[in-house]
Protein backbone atom coordinates (compact mmCIF):
# COMPACT_ATOMS: atom_id res chain seq x y z
CA MET A 1 109.38 74.50 33.26
CA LYS A 2 108.97 77.83 31.33
CA THR A 3 106.36 78.84 28.48
CA LYS A 4 105.65 81.05 26.43
CA PRO A 5 102.97 83.45 28.03
CA SER A 6 99.24 82.92 26.90
CA SER A 7 97.49 85.90 26.51
CA ALA A 8 95.97 85.79 29.98
CA THR A 9 99.43 85.19 31.70
CA HIS A 10 100.76 88.51 29.45
CA THR A 11 97.77 90.71 30.39
CA MET A 12 98.18 89.98 33.69
CA ASP A 13 102.02 90.07 34.05
CA LEU A 14 102.37 87.01 36.37
CA ASP A 15 105.63 84.84 35.68
CA LEU A 16 104.44 81.74 36.85
CA GLY A 17 107.54 79.55 36.46
CA ASP A 18 109.08 80.69 39.00
CA ASP A 19 107.43 79.34 41.73
CA LEU A 20 106.44 75.98 40.46
CA VAL A 21 106.98 73.18 43.03
CA ILE A 22 106.21 69.65 42.36
CA THR A 23 105.65 68.09 45.94
CA LYS A 24 104.92 64.74 44.41
CA THR A 25 104.41 62.43 41.55
CA THR A 26 102.92 58.68 41.80
CA ARG A 27 102.86 56.42 39.04
CA ARG A 28 99.52 54.64 38.46
CA HIS A 29 100.35 50.92 37.81
CA SER A 30 96.45 49.82 36.55
CA ALA A 31 95.91 52.14 33.97
CA GLY A 32 99.12 54.45 33.37
CA GLY A 33 99.74 57.77 33.78
CA VAL A 34 101.14 59.68 36.86
CA TRP A 35 99.45 61.61 39.59
CA VAL A 36 101.67 65.23 40.28
CA SER A 37 100.82 67.03 42.97
CA GLY A 38 102.34 70.61 43.91
CA THR A 39 101.77 74.59 44.21
CA ILE A 40 102.00 77.35 42.15
CA HIS A 41 101.04 81.17 42.54
CA GLY A 42 99.32 80.67 45.72
CA HIS A 43 97.47 77.74 44.41
CA ARG A 44 97.60 73.91 44.74
CA PHE A 45 96.89 71.27 42.15
CA GLU A 46 96.76 67.87 41.56
CA ALA A 47 96.67 66.56 37.87
CA LEU A 48 96.68 63.32 36.12
CA VAL A 49 99.09 63.32 33.24
CA PHE A 50 99.96 60.90 30.54
CA PRO A 51 102.94 60.33 28.10
CA GLU A 52 100.39 60.22 25.19
CA HIS A 53 97.34 61.78 24.18
CA ALA A 54 93.94 60.25 24.96
CA GLU A 55 92.27 58.06 22.90
CA VAL A 56 89.24 60.09 23.30
CA PRO A 57 90.29 63.85 22.47
CA GLU A 58 87.50 65.44 25.06
CA TYR A 59 88.96 63.71 27.96
CA GLU A 60 92.22 65.56 27.85
CA ILE A 61 92.51 69.41 28.15
CA GLY A 62 93.46 70.74 24.81
CA ASP A 63 96.50 68.94 24.08
CA SER A 64 98.37 68.70 27.44
CA ARG A 65 97.83 65.14 27.93
CA ILE A 66 96.43 66.17 31.67
CA SER A 67 92.74 64.16 31.42
CA LYS A 68 92.30 65.48 35.58
CA LEU A 69 93.14 68.88 36.97
CA TRP A 70 92.35 70.17 40.48
CA LEU A 71 93.36 73.74 41.25
CA GLN A 72 92.54 74.72 44.66
CA ARG A 73 93.26 79.05 46.05
CA GLN A 74 95.80 78.32 49.28
CA GLY A 75 94.34 81.67 50.85
CA ASP A 76 90.41 80.48 51.09
CA LYS A 77 90.81 76.97 50.35
CA VAL A 78 87.92 77.69 47.28
CA VAL A 79 88.38 75.34 43.89
CA VAL A 80 88.98 77.64 41.44
CA TYR A 81 89.37 74.86 38.53
CA ASN A 82 88.38 71.33 38.08
CA TRP A 83 88.65 69.00 35.04
CA ASP A 84 87.80 65.60 35.05
CA ARG A 85 87.53 64.33 31.65
CA GLY A 86 85.70 67.17 31.08
CA GLN A 87 85.27 70.72 32.71
CA ASP A 88 83.18 70.77 36.09
CA VAL A 89 84.64 73.76 37.73
CA PRO A 90 85.55 76.62 35.00
CA ALA A 91 88.12 78.87 35.89
CA ALA A 92 87.26 81.33 38.62
CA ASP A 93 89.51 84.11 37.38
CA ALA A 94 91.91 85.18 35.24
CA THR A 95 94.53 83.93 37.55
CA ALA A 96 93.43 80.45 37.33
CA ALA A 97 93.07 80.29 33.89
CA ALA A 98 96.75 81.54 33.37
CA ILE A 99 97.62 78.77 35.89
CA VAL A 100 95.75 76.52 34.07
CA ASP A 101 96.93 77.24 30.74
CA PHE A 102 100.71 77.30 31.87
CA LEU A 103 100.34 73.74 33.55
CA CYS A 104 98.78 72.63 30.23
CA ALA A 105 101.41 73.88 28.16
CA GLY A 106 104.49 72.03 29.88
CA LEU A 107 103.36 69.77 32.81
CA ALA A 108 103.52 66.66 30.52
CA GLU A 109 106.74 67.45 29.30
CA SER A 110 108.17 68.05 32.20
CA THR A 111 106.71 65.15 34.07
CA PHE A 112 107.53 62.75 31.37
CA GLY A 113 110.96 64.50 29.09
CA VAL A 114 108.66 64.18 26.05
């Protein structure tokens, strides 16, 4: 999953797509969507991704089709971002922000092929 770098990724000169590993995908049968777990750039993440946009736009991160995203730095186990139908923990630093931007730009497409 390669995307055009955002200003945060460009500023930090990160090549985030090279080490993205999806470790698990789990379809939710009752309410739709897919839980996607993985690692990227020294972080673990779990995301609830949908094939279509949320009925309530504020429930999704931008235009990403992601309604829940948890991001933890692996080195010290600190949660550096959390979104659960709204922002609970803002990006702790530029790296976390760049990872969130990267996942939002292409995780749904990668998961659903659309």
